[in-house]
Amino acid sequence: MNPHNGWRDREPEALSTLPTHEPDQGRAVQTRARCHAALRKRARRSRITEPAPTGGWRRALTPAIVGSLCALYLLEVIARARELYRF
């Protein structure tokens, strides 16, 4: 038998005697107001510093370049495997 087993039996009783803590209503309102002000400030700042939309050609060109480089790499891997294993 573990010596701590008896303590575990009394744990729910010990927890039930602890007082519950509720936040002070005035402080909670004050904290919420500060948080909302910070969020509004962040949203305003992000709208101001938001980059201008770029052209659609960059969105189409970037994946095409990356895809072609991947295909080139794959072809090189296949060519070297053919040389190594002499297919």
PDB file of N, CA and C in Angstrom:
ATOM      1  N   MET A   1       0.835  -1.180   0.000  1.00  0.00           N
ATOM      2  CA  MET A   1       0.000   0.000   0.000  1.00  0.00           C
ATOM      3  C   MET A   1       0.878   1.240   0.000  1.00  0.00           C
ATOM      4  N   ASN A   2       0.516   2.167  -0.802  1.00  0.00           N
ATOM      5  CA  ASN A   2       1.246   3.426  -0.930  1.00  0.00           C
ATOM      6  C   ASN A   2       0.855   4.363   0.214  1.00  0.00           C
ATOM      7  N   PRO A   3       1.822   5.041   0.871  1.00  0.00           N
ATOM      8  CA  PRO A   3       1.465   5.931   1.982  1.00  0.00           C
ATOM      9  C   PRO A   3       0.673   7.150   1.526  1.00  0.00           C
ATOM     10  N   HIS A   4       0.689   7.464   0.254  1.00  0.00           N
ATOM     11  CA  HIS A   4      -0.031   8.626  -0.254  1.00  0.00           C
ATOM     12  C   HIS A   4      -1.485   8.330  -0.583  1.00  0.00           C
ATOM     13  N   ASN A   5      -1.884   7.071  -0.541  1.00  0.00           N
ATOM     14  CA  ASN A   5      -3.259   6.711  -0.890  1.00  0.00           C
ATOM     15  C   ASN A   5      -4.273   7.358   0.034  1.00  0.00           C
ATOM     16  N   GLY A   6      -3.973   7.430   1.320  1.00  0.00           N
ATOM     17  CA  GLY A   6      -4.897   8.047   2.264  1.00  0.00           C
ATOM     18  C   GLY A   6      -5.085   9.524   1.982  1.00  0.00           C
ATOM     19  N   TRP A   7      -4.033  10.180   1.554  1.00  0.00           N
ATOM     20  CA  TRP A   7      -4.123  11.610   1.232  1.00  0.00           C
ATOM     21  C   TRP A   7      -5.029  11.832   0.034  1.00  0.00           C
ATOM     22  N   ARG A   8      -4.962  10.944  -0.935  1.00  0.00           N
ATOM     23  CA  ARG A   8      -5.802  11.065  -2.126  1.00  0.00           C
ATOM     24  C   ARG A   8      -7.289  10.962  -1.774  1.00  0.00           C
ATOM     25  N   ASP A   9      -7.616  10.207  -0.747  1.00  0.00           N
ATOM     26  CA  ASP A   9      -9.013  10.080  -0.337  1.00  0.00           C
ATOM     27  C   ASP A   9      -9.547  11.391   0.228  1.00  0.00           C
ATOM     28  N   ARG A  10      -8.690  12.174   0.867  1.00  0.00           N
ATOM     29  CA  ARG A  10      -9.121  13.433   1.469  1.00  0.00           C
ATOM     30  C   ARG A  10      -9.020  14.612   0.508  1.00  0.00           C
ATOM     31  N   GLU A  11      -8.492  14.397  -0.668  1.00  0.00           N
ATOM     32  CA  GLU A  11      -8.285  15.494  -1.631  1.00  0.00           C
ATOM     33  C   GLU A  11      -9.576  16.220  -2.001  1.00  0.00           C
ATOM     34  N   PRO A  12     -10.677  15.530  -2.352  1.00  0.00           N
ATOM     35  CA  PRO A  12     -11.909  16.259  -2.683  1.00  0.00           C
ATOM     36  C   PRO A  12     -12.421  17.109  -1.525  1.00  0.00           C
ATOM     37  N   GLU A  13     -12.284  16.611  -0.293  1.00  0.00           N
ATOM     38  CA  GLU A  13     -12.711  17.398   0.865  1.00  0.00           C
ATOM     39  C   GLU A  13     -11.874  18.663   1.000  1.00  0.00           C
ATOM     40  N   ALA A  14     -10.564  18.507   0.802  1.00  0.00           N
ATOM     41  CA  ALA A  14      -9.673  19.655   0.932  1.00  0.00           C
ATOM     42  C   ALA A  14      -9.965  20.696  -0.146  1.00  0.00           C
ATOM     43  N   LEU A  15     -10.256  20.245  -1.328  1.00  0.00           N
ATOM     44  CA  LEU A  15     -10.564  21.177  -2.412  1.00  0.00           C
ATOM     45  C   LEU A  15     -11.890  21.887  -2.177  1.00  0.00           C
ATOM     46  N   SER A  16     -12.829  21.203  -1.576  1.00  0.00           N
ATOM     47  CA  SER A  16     -14.140  21.829  -1.365  1.00  0.00           C
ATOM     48  C   SER A  16     -14.087  22.926  -0.310  1.00  0.00           C
ATOM     49  N   THR A  17     -13.086  22.909   0.558  1.00  0.00           N
ATOM     50  CA  THR A  17     -12.976  23.951   1.583  1.00  0.00           C
ATOM     51  C   THR A  17     -12.317  25.219   1.065  1.00  0.00           C
ATOM     52  N   LEU A  18     -11.714  25.164  -0.108  1.00  0.00           N
ATOM     53  CA  LEU A  18     -11.050  26.355  -0.655  1.00  0.00           C
ATOM     54  C   LEU A  18     -12.090  27.377  -1.104  1.00  0.00           C
ATOM     55  N   PRO A  19     -11.837  28.646  -0.864  1.00  0.00           N
ATOM     56  CA  PRO A  19     -12.802  29.660  -1.320  1.00  0.00           C
ATOM     57  C   PRO A  19     -12.705  29.859  -2.828  1.00  0.00           C
ATOM     58  N   THR A  20     -13.806  30.215  -3.440  1.00  0.00           N
ATOM     59  CA  THR A  20     -13.783  30.509  -4.867  1.00  0.00           C
ATOM     60  C   THR A  20     -13.398  31.976  -5.051  1.00  0.00           C
ATOM     61  N   HIS A  21     -12.660  32.228  -6.078  1.00  0.00           N
ATOM     62  CA  HIS A  21     -12.193  33.583  -6.336  1.00  0.00           C
ATOM     63  C   HIS A  21     -12.853  34.119  -7.595  1.00  0.00           C
ATOM     64  N   GLU A  22     -13.555  35.171  -7.451  1.00  0.00           N
ATOM     65  CA  GLU A  22     -14.187  35.862  -8.565  1.00  0.00           C
ATOM     66  C   GLU A  22     -13.447  37.171  -8.774  1.00  0.00           C
ATOM     67  N   PRO A  23     -13.229  37.562 -10.026  1.00  0.00           N
ATOM     68  CA  PRO A  23     -12.527  38.822 -10.260  1.00  0.00           C
ATOM     69  C   PRO A  23     -13.380  40.006  -9.820  1.00  0.00           C
ATOM     70  N   ASP A  24     -12.686  41.055  -9.399  1.00  0.00           N
ATOM     71  CA  ASP A  24     -13.368  42.288  -9.033  1.00  0.00           C
ATOM     72  C   ASP A  24     -14.049  42.841 -10.279  1.00  0.00           C
ATOM     73  N   GLN A  25     -15.330  43.150 -10.180  1.00  0.00           N
ATOM     74  CA  GLN A  25     -16.107  43.574 -11.354  1.00  0.00           C
ATOM     75  C   GLN A  25     -15.529  44.843 -11.986  1.00  0.00           C
ATOM     76  N   GLY A  26     -15.150  45.811 -11.169  1.00  0.00           N
ATOM     77  CA  GLY A  26     -14.589  47.053 -11.705  1.00  0.00           C
ATOM     78  C   GLY A  26     -13.278  46.820 -12.431  1.00  0.00           C
ATOM     79  N   ARG A  27     -12.446  45.958 -11.850  1.00  0.00           N
ATOM     80  CA  ARG A  27     -11.156  45.653 -12.482  1.00  0.00           C
ATOM     81  C   ARG A  27     -11.353  44.879 -13.791  1.00  0.00           C
ATOM     82  N   ALA A  28     -12.327  43.993 -13.822  1.00  0.00           N
ATOM     83  CA  ALA A  28     -12.603  43.236 -15.043  1.00  0.00           C
ATOM     84  C   ALA A  28     -13.057  44.167 -16.164  1.00  0.00           C
ATOM     85  N   VAL A  29     -13.913  45.134 -15.832  1.00  0.00           N
ATOM     86  CA  VAL A  29     -14.379  46.095 -16.844  1.00  0.00           C
ATOM     87  C   VAL A  29     -13.212  46.934 -17.337  1.00  0.00           C
ATOM     88  N   GLN A  30     -12.354  47.345 -16.411  1.00  0.00           N
ATOM     89  CA  GLN A  30     -11.191  48.154 -16.783  1.00  0.00           C
ATOM     90  C   GLN A  30     -10.236  47.363 -17.688  1.00  0.00           C
ATOM     91  N   THR A  31     -10.000  46.103 -17.371  1.00  0.00           N
ATOM     92  CA  THR A  31      -9.114  45.261 -18.179  1.00  0.00           C
ATOM     93  C   THR A  31      -9.695  45.046 -19.570  1.00  0.00           C
ATOM     94  N   ARG A  32     -11.002  44.779 -19.650  1.00  0.00           N
ATOM     95  CA  ARG A  32     -11.639  44.608 -20.960  1.00  0.00           C
ATOM     96  C   ARG A  32     -11.526  45.873 -21.796  1.00  0.00           C
ATOM     97  N   ALA A  33     -11.702  47.029 -21.172  1.00  0.00           N
ATOM     98  CA  ALA A  33     -11.611  48.302 -21.898  1.00  0.00           C
ATOM     99  C   ALA A  33     -10.207  48.506 -22.448  1.00  0.00           C
ATOM    100  N   ARG A  34      -9.193  48.170 -21.650  1.00  0.00           N
ATOM    101  CA  ARG A  34      -7.811  48.301 -22.135  1.00  0.00           C
ATOM    102  C   ARG A  34      -7.543  47.342 -23.298  1.00  0.00           C
ATOM    103  N   CYS A  35      -8.044  46.138 -23.184  1.00  0.00           N
ATOM    104  CA  CYS A  35      -7.847  45.154 -24.259  1.00  0.00           C
ATOM    105  C   CYS A  35      -8.530  45.603 -25.545  1.00  0.00           C
ATOM    106  N   HIS A  36      -9.768  46.085 -25.440  1.00  0.00           N
ATOM    107  CA  HIS A  36     -10.487  46.559 -26.627  1.00  0.00           C
ATOM    108  C   HIS A  36      -9.767  47.750 -27.256  1.00  0.00           C
ATOM    109  N   ALA A  37      -9.233  48.644 -26.431  1.00  0.00           N
ATOM    110  CA  ALA A  37      -8.495  49.795 -26.962  1.00  0.00           C
ATOM    111  C   ALA A  37      -7.236  49.339 -27.697  1.00  0.00           C
ATOM    112  N   ALA A  38      -6.533  48.365 -27.130  1.00  0.00           N
ATOM    113  CA  ALA A  38      -5.327  47.853 -27.783  1.00  0.00           C
ATOM    114  C   ALA A  38      -5.669  47.174 -29.105  1.00  0.00           C
ATOM    115  N   LEU A  39      -6.767  46.425 -29.145  1.00  0.00           N
ATOM    116  CA  LEU A  39      -7.174  45.765 -30.387  1.00  0.00           C
ATOM    117  C   LEU A  39      -7.576  46.778 -31.451  1.00  0.00           C
ATOM    118  N   ARG A  40      -8.296  47.838 -31.039  1.00  0.00           N
ATOM    119  CA  ARG A  40      -8.657  48.877 -32.008  1.00  0.00           C
ATOM    120  C   ARG A  40      -7.410  49.567 -32.550  1.00  0.00           C
ATOM    121  N   LYS A  41      -6.445  49.836 -31.682  1.00  0.00           N
ATOM    122  CA  LYS A  41      -5.205  50.486 -32.106  1.00  0.00           C
ATOM    123  C   LYS A  41      -4.434  49.602 -33.091  1.00  0.00           C
ATOM    124  N   ARG A  42      -4.384  48.306 -32.794  1.00  0.00           N
ATOM    125  CA  ARG A  42      -3.685  47.378 -33.676  1.00  0.00           C
ATOM    126  C   ARG A  42      -4.377  47.297 -35.035  1.00  0.00           C
ATOM    127  N   ALA A  43      -5.712  47.271 -35.041  1.00  0.00           N
ATOM    128  CA  ALA A  43      -6.460  47.193 -36.295  1.00  0.00           C
ATOM    129  C   ALA A  43      -6.253  48.462 -37.117  1.00  0.00           C
ATOM    130  N   ARG A  44      -6.247  49.612 -36.441  1.00  0.00           N
ATOM    131  CA  ARG A  44      -6.029  50.876 -37.143  1.00  0.00           C
ATOM    132  C   ARG A  44      -4.620  50.918 -37.734  1.00  0.00           C
ATOM    133  N   ARG A  45      -3.643  50.466 -36.964  1.00  0.00           N
ATOM    134  CA  ARG A  45      -2.259  50.467 -37.432  1.00  0.00           C
ATOM    135  C   ARG A  45      -2.073  49.517 -38.617  1.00  0.00           C
ATOM    136  N   SER A  46      -2.729  48.343 -38.571  1.00  0.00           N
ATOM    137  CA  SER A  46      -2.573  47.388 -39.665  1.00  0.00           C
ATOM    138  C   SER A  46      -3.224  47.897 -40.942  1.00  0.00           C
ATOM    139  N   ARG A  47      -4.326  48.667 -40.810  1.00  0.00           N
ATOM    140  CA  ARG A  47      -4.941  49.236 -42.010  1.00  0.00           C
ATOM    141  C   ARG A  47      -4.044  50.281 -42.636  1.00  0.00           C
ATOM    142  N   ILE A  48      -3.350  51.045 -41.810  1.00  0.00           N
ATOM    143  CA  ILE A  48      -2.474  52.100 -42.323  1.00  0.00           C
ATOM    144  C   ILE A  48      -1.254  51.512 -43.008  1.00  0.00           C
ATOM    145  N   THR A  49      -0.636  50.503 -42.397  1.00  0.00           N
ATOM    146  CA  THR A  49       0.609  49.941 -42.921  1.00  0.00           C
ATOM    147  C   THR A  49       0.388  48.758 -43.853  1.00  0.00           C
ATOM    148  N   GLU A  50      -0.833  48.491 -44.207  1.00  0.00           N
ATOM    149  CA  GLU A  50      -1.126  47.365 -45.088  1.00  0.00           C
ATOM    150  C   GLU A  50      -0.509  47.622 -46.459  1.00  0.00           C
ATOM    151  N   PRO A  51       0.254  46.665 -46.983  1.00  0.00           N
ATOM    152  CA  PRO A  51       0.889  46.887 -48.284  1.00  0.00           C
ATOM    153  C   PRO A  51      -0.145  46.979 -49.401  1.00  0.00           C
ATOM    154  N   ALA A  52       0.233  47.720 -50.410  1.00  0.00           N
ATOM    155  CA  ALA A  52      -0.647  47.867 -51.569  1.00  0.00           C
ATOM    156  C   ALA A  52      -0.751  46.523 -52.282  1.00  0.00           C
ATOM    157  N   PRO A  53      -1.900  46.212 -52.827  1.00  0.00           N
ATOM    158  CA  PRO A  53      -2.041  44.937 -53.532  1.00  0.00           C
ATOM    159  C   PRO A  53      -1.108  44.880 -54.744  1.00  0.00           C
ATOM    160  N   THR A  54      -0.466  43.743 -54.903  1.00  0.00           N
ATOM    161  CA  THR A  54       0.454  43.567 -56.030  1.00  0.00           C
ATOM    162  C   THR A  54      -0.296  43.008 -57.227  1.00  0.00           C
ATOM    163  N   GLY A  55       0.363  43.043 -58.337  1.00  0.00           N
ATOM    164  CA  GLY A  55      -0.250  42.553 -59.564  1.00  0.00           C
ATOM    165  C   GLY A  55      -0.489  41.057 -59.524  1.00  0.00           C
ATOM    166  N   GLY A  56      -1.432  40.612 -60.315  1.00  0.00           N
ATOM    167  CA  GLY A  56      -1.769  39.199 -60.361  1.00  0.00           C
ATOM    168  C   GLY A  56      -0.697  38.351 -61.014  1.00  0.00           C
ATOM    169  N   TRP A  57       0.162  38.985 -61.785  1.00  0.00           N
ATOM    170  CA  TRP A  57       1.199  38.211 -62.478  1.00  0.00           C
ATOM    171  C   TRP A  57       2.187  37.617 -61.484  1.00  0.00           C
ATOM    172  N   ARG A  58       2.408  38.285 -60.348  1.00  0.00           N
ATOM    173  CA  ARG A  58       3.325  37.715 -59.351  1.00  0.00           C
ATOM    174  C   ARG A  58       2.731  36.473 -58.714  1.00  0.00           C
ATOM    175  N   ARG A  59       1.435  36.509 -58.498  1.00  0.00           N
ATOM    176  CA  ARG A  59       0.789  35.341 -57.909  1.00  0.00           C
ATOM    177  C   ARG A  59       0.840  34.150 -58.851  1.00  0.00           C
ATOM    178  N   ALA A  60       0.792  34.377 -60.130  1.00  0.00           N
ATOM    179  CA  ALA A  60       0.824  33.285 -61.096  1.00  0.00           C
ATOM    180  C   ALA A  60       2.250  32.874 -61.423  1.00  0.00           C
ATOM    181  N   LEU A  61       3.164  33.832 -61.448  1.00  0.00           N
ATOM    182  CA  LEU A  61       4.534  33.554 -61.856  1.00  0.00           C
ATOM    183  C   LEU A  61       5.317  32.808 -60.785  1.00  0.00           C
ATOM    184  N   THR A  62       5.134  33.156 -59.542  1.00  0.00           N
ATOM    185  CA  THR A  62       5.910  32.524 -58.472  1.00  0.00           C
ATOM    186  C   THR A  62       5.682  31.017 -58.405  1.00  0.00           C
ATOM    187  N   PRO A  63       4.451  30.517 -58.364  1.00  0.00           N
ATOM    188  CA  PRO A  63       4.280  29.059 -58.350  1.00  0.00           C
ATOM    189  C   PRO A  63       4.799  28.399 -59.626  1.00  0.00           C
ATOM    190  N   ALA A  64       4.710  29.093 -60.749  1.00  0.00           N
ATOM    191  CA  ALA A  64       5.210  28.511 -61.996  1.00  0.00           C
ATOM    192  C   ALA A  64       6.723  28.339 -61.936  1.00  0.00           C
ATOM    193  N   ILE A  65       7.421  29.337 -61.398  1.00  0.00           N
ATOM    194  CA  ILE A  65       8.882  29.239 -61.284  1.00  0.00           C
ATOM    195  C   ILE A  65       9.269  28.141 -60.306  1.00  0.00           C
ATOM    196  N   VAL A  66       8.620  28.115 -59.159  1.00  0.00           N
ATOM    197  CA  VAL A  66       8.927  27.092 -58.161  1.00  0.00           C
ATOM    198  C   VAL A  66       8.618  25.700 -58.712  1.00  0.00           C
ATOM    199  N   GLY A  67       7.498  25.546 -59.390  1.00  0.00           N
ATOM    200  CA  GLY A  67       7.141  24.253 -59.965  1.00  0.00           C
ATOM    201  C   GLY A  67       8.122  23.796 -61.019  1.00  0.00           C
ATOM    202  N   SER A  68       8.577  24.728 -61.865  1.00  0.00           N
ATOM    203  CA  SER A  68       9.535  24.335 -62.900  1.00  0.00           C
ATOM    204  C   SER A  68      10.879  23.967 -62.280  1.00  0.00           C
ATOM    205  N   LEU A  69      11.290  24.654 -61.217  1.00  0.00           N
ATOM    206  CA  LEU A  69      12.541  24.286 -60.551  1.00  0.00           C
ATOM    207  C   LEU A  69      12.425  22.911 -59.889  1.00  0.00           C
ATOM    208  N   CYS A  70      11.273  22.611 -59.333  1.00  0.00           N
ATOM    209  CA  CYS A  70      11.057  21.283 -58.751  1.00  0.00           C
ATOM    210  C   CYS A  70      11.101  20.199 -59.831  1.00  0.00           C
ATOM    211  N   ALA A  71      10.482  20.470 -60.939  1.00  0.00           N
ATOM    212  CA  ALA A  71      10.496  19.501 -62.048  1.00  0.00           C
ATOM    213  C   ALA A  71      11.917  19.296 -62.560  1.00  0.00           C
ATOM    214  N   LEU A  72      12.675  20.377 -62.683  1.00  0.00           N
ATOM    215  CA  LEU A  72      14.067  20.278 -63.119  1.00  0.00           C
ATOM    216  C   LEU A  72      14.877  19.451 -62.135  1.00  0.00           C
ATOM    217  N   TYR A  73      14.680  19.676 -60.842  1.00  0.00           N
ATOM    218  CA  TYR A  73      15.381  18.914 -59.814  1.00  0.00           C
ATOM    219  C   TYR A  73      15.017  17.436 -59.905  1.00  0.00           C
ATOM    220  N   LEU A  74      13.746  17.138 -60.091  1.00  0.00           N
ATOM    221  CA  LEU A  74      13.303  15.751 -60.191  1.00  0.00           C
ATOM    222  C   LEU A  74      13.914  15.070 -61.415  1.00  0.00           C
ATOM    223  N   LEU A  75      13.952  15.783 -62.526  1.00  0.00           N
ATOM    224  CA  LEU A  75      14.576  15.202 -63.729  1.00  0.00           C
ATOM    225  C   LEU A  75      16.052  14.927 -63.508  1.00  0.00           C
ATOM    226  N   GLU A  76      16.740  15.807 -62.791  1.00  0.00           N
ATOM    227  CA  GLU A  76      18.158  15.588 -62.498  1.00  0.00           C
ATOM    228  C   GLU A  76      18.353  14.377 -61.588  1.00  0.00           C
ATOM    229  N   VAL A  77      17.475  14.219 -60.614  1.00  0.00           N
ATOM    230  CA  VAL A  77      17.557  13.051 -59.730  1.00  0.00           C
ATOM    231  C   VAL A  77      17.345  11.772 -60.529  1.00  0.00           C
ATOM    232  N   ILE A  78      16.380  11.781 -61.429  1.00  0.00           N
ATOM    233  CA  ILE A  78      16.118  10.600 -62.259  1.00  0.00           C
ATOM    234  C   ILE A  78      17.300  10.307 -63.160  1.00  0.00           C
ATOM    235  N   ALA A  79      17.896  11.352 -63.775  1.00  0.00           N
ATOM    236  CA  ALA A  79      19.047  11.147 -64.667  1.00  0.00           C
ATOM    237  C   ALA A  79      20.229  10.558 -63.903  1.00  0.00           C
ATOM    238  N   ARG A  80      20.484  11.069 -62.698  1.00  0.00           N
ATOM    239  CA  ARG A  80      21.611  10.531 -61.918  1.00  0.00           C
ATOM    240  C   ARG A  80      21.334   9.102 -61.458  1.00  0.00           C
ATOM    241  N   ALA A  81      20.094   8.785 -61.142  1.00  0.00           N
ATOM    242  CA  ALA A  81      19.749   7.409 -60.753  1.00  0.00           C
ATOM    243  C   ALA A  81      19.933   6.466 -61.930  1.00  0.00           C
ATOM    244  N   ARG A  82      19.567   6.933 -63.128  1.00  0.00           N
ATOM    245  CA  ARG A  82      19.764   6.084 -64.329  1.00  0.00           C
ATOM    246  C   ARG A  82      21.239   5.817 -64.564  1.00  0.00           C
ATOM    247  N   GLU A  83      22.089   6.866 -64.370  1.00  0.00           N
ATOM    248  CA  GLU A  83      23.538   6.668 -64.539  1.00  0.00           C
ATOM    249  C   GLU A  83      24.090   5.731 -63.492  1.00  0.00           C
ATOM    250  N   LEU A  84      23.623   5.901 -62.264  1.00  0.00           N
ATOM    251  CA  LEU A  84      24.148   5.093 -61.161  1.00  0.00           C
ATOM    252  C   LEU A  84      23.763   3.641 -61.326  1.00  0.00           C
ATOM    253  N   TYR A  85      22.531   3.351 -61.683  1.00  0.00           N
ATOM    254  CA  TYR A  85      22.053   1.990 -61.802  1.00  0.00           C
ATOM    255  C   TYR A  85      22.077   1.481 -63.242  1.00  0.00           C
ATOM    256  N   ARG A  86      22.539   2.295 -64.167  1.00  0.00           N
ATOM    257  CA  ARG A  86      22.723   1.947 -65.589  1.00  0.00           C
ATOM    258  C   ARG A  86      21.461   1.330 -66.199  1.00  0.00           C
ATOM    259  N   PHE A  87      20.375   2.083 -66.162  1.00  0.00           N
ATOM    260  CA  PHE A  87      19.128   1.635 -66.787  1.00  0.00           C
ATOM    261  C   PHE A  87      19.165   1.936 -68.253  1.00  0.00           C
TER     262      PHE A  87
END
